[in-house]
Structure formats: C-alpha cells, structure tokens
C-alpha cells in the first residue's frame, strides 16, 4: 500500500468518525430540544393558569373592597 493510499484511508477514517460524532451530537441536541419544548409548553400553561387565578383574586378583592366601602358608608350615615 502506498503512502498516499494509507493517508487517504486515515483521512477517510477520521472523516467517518467525525461524521458519527456530529450525528450523535445532533441526535442529542434534538432530544434536548424536544425536552425543552415540552418544558416550555408546560411553563406557558402554568403561566396561563396563574394569570387566571390572579385575575380571579383581583376580582374578588375588588368586590370585597367595594363591600367594605359600602359598610363604612352605611356606618357613617
């Protein structure tokens, strides 16, 4: 085997290993990306749920404050 053929074989082998490493990294990143997308979706849902709860609490507080104001106004009469 000539030196050129030997060098070509080594380069081909190195490229093959590099391609395998890149493919593995892409698979790992794809899995990670999917996990992050699921986590983001869950966090967005929790955020929406918390916004609904906050709006409900705000409405109840406003009604309670209005009721207290009406009791104070009635008491002052």
Protein backbone atom coordinates (compact mmCIF):
# COMPACT_ATOMS: atom_id res chain seq x y z
CA UNK A 1 0.00 0.00 0.00
CA UNK A 2 1.36 3.37 -0.98
CA UNK A 3 1.79 6.23 1.43
CA UNK A 4 -0.88 8.19 -0.45
CA UNK A 5 -3.38 5.35 -0.15
CA UNK A 6 -2.56 4.95 3.54
CA UNK A 7 -3.00 8.68 4.12
CA UNK A 8 -6.31 8.62 2.21
CA UNK A 9 -7.53 5.71 4.37
CA UNK A 10 -6.61 7.59 7.55
CA UNK A 11 -8.40 10.73 6.32
CA UNK A 12 -11.47 8.69 5.34
CA UNK A 13 -11.47 7.02 8.74
CA UNK A 14 -11.12 10.37 10.54
CA UNK A 15 -13.95 11.86 8.47
CA UNK A 16 -16.15 8.87 9.21
CA UNK A 17 -15.52 9.22 12.95
CA UNK A 18 -16.19 12.97 12.75
CA UNK A 19 -19.45 12.39 10.89
CA UNK A 20 -20.51 9.86 13.53
CA UNK A 21 -19.70 12.33 16.31
CA UNK A 22 -21.65 15.11 14.59
CA UNK A 23 -24.64 12.83 14.02
CA UNK A 24 -24.61 11.74 17.66
CA UNK A 25 -24.41 15.35 18.79
CA UNK A 26 -27.32 16.27 16.51
CA UNK A 27 -29.41 13.43 17.95
CA UNK A 28 -28.60 14.51 21.49
CA UNK A 29 -29.41 18.14 20.71
CA UNK A 30 -32.66 17.08 19.04
CA UNK A 31 -33.71 15.17 22.16
CA UNK A 32 -32.73 18.12 24.34
CA UNK A 33 -34.65 20.50 22.09
CA UNK A 34 -37.77 18.34 22.34
CA UNK A 35 -37.45 18.21 26.13
CA UNK A 36 -37.05 21.98 26.31
CA UNK A 37 -40.08 22.49 24.05
CA UNK A 38 -42.18 20.27 26.33
CA UNK A 39 -40.93 22.13 29.39
CA UNK A 40 -41.67 25.49 27.77
CA UNK A 41 -45.17 24.34 26.89
CA UNK A 42 -45.76 23.23 30.48
CA UNK A 43 -44.44 26.53 31.85
CA UNK A 44 -46.64 28.51 29.44
CA UNK A 45 -49.67 26.52 30.61
CA UNK A 46 -48.77 27.16 34.24
CA UNK A 47 -48.34 30.86 33.45
CA UNK A 48 -51.80 30.98 31.88
CA UNK A 49 -53.27 29.18 34.88
CA UNK A 50 -51.60 31.62 37.27
CA UNK A 51 -52.89 34.58 35.26
CA UNK A 52 -56.43 33.20 35.57
CA UNK A 53 -56.01 32.76 39.32
CA UNK A 54 -54.57 36.28 39.65
CA UNK A 55 -57.50 37.77 37.72
CA UNK A 56 -59.96 35.84 39.90
CA UNK A 57 -58.23 37.02 43.09
CA UNK A 58 -58.16 40.60 41.81
CA UNK A 59 -61.89 40.50 41.08
CA UNK A 60 -62.68 39.04 44.48
CA UNK A 61 -60.52 41.67 46.21
CA UNK A 62 -62.24 44.48 44.31
CA UNK A 63 -65.66 43.12 45.31
CA UNK A 64 -64.54 42.76 48.93
CA UNK A 65 -63.18 46.33 48.97
CA UNK A 66 -66.44 47.64 47.48
CA UNK A 67 -68.41 45.75 50.11
CA UNK A 68 -66.23 47.20 52.88
CA UNK A 69 -66.69 50.70 51.44
CA UNK A 70 -70.45 50.23 51.38
CA UNK A 71 -70.41 49.04 55.02
CA UNK A 72 -68.29 52.06 56.03
CA UNK A 73 -70.58 54.43 54.15
CA UNK A 74 -73.66 52.89 55.78
CA UNK A 75 -71.98 53.10 59.18
CA UNK A 76 -71.26 56.83 58.70
CA UNK A 77 -74.89 57.62 57.92
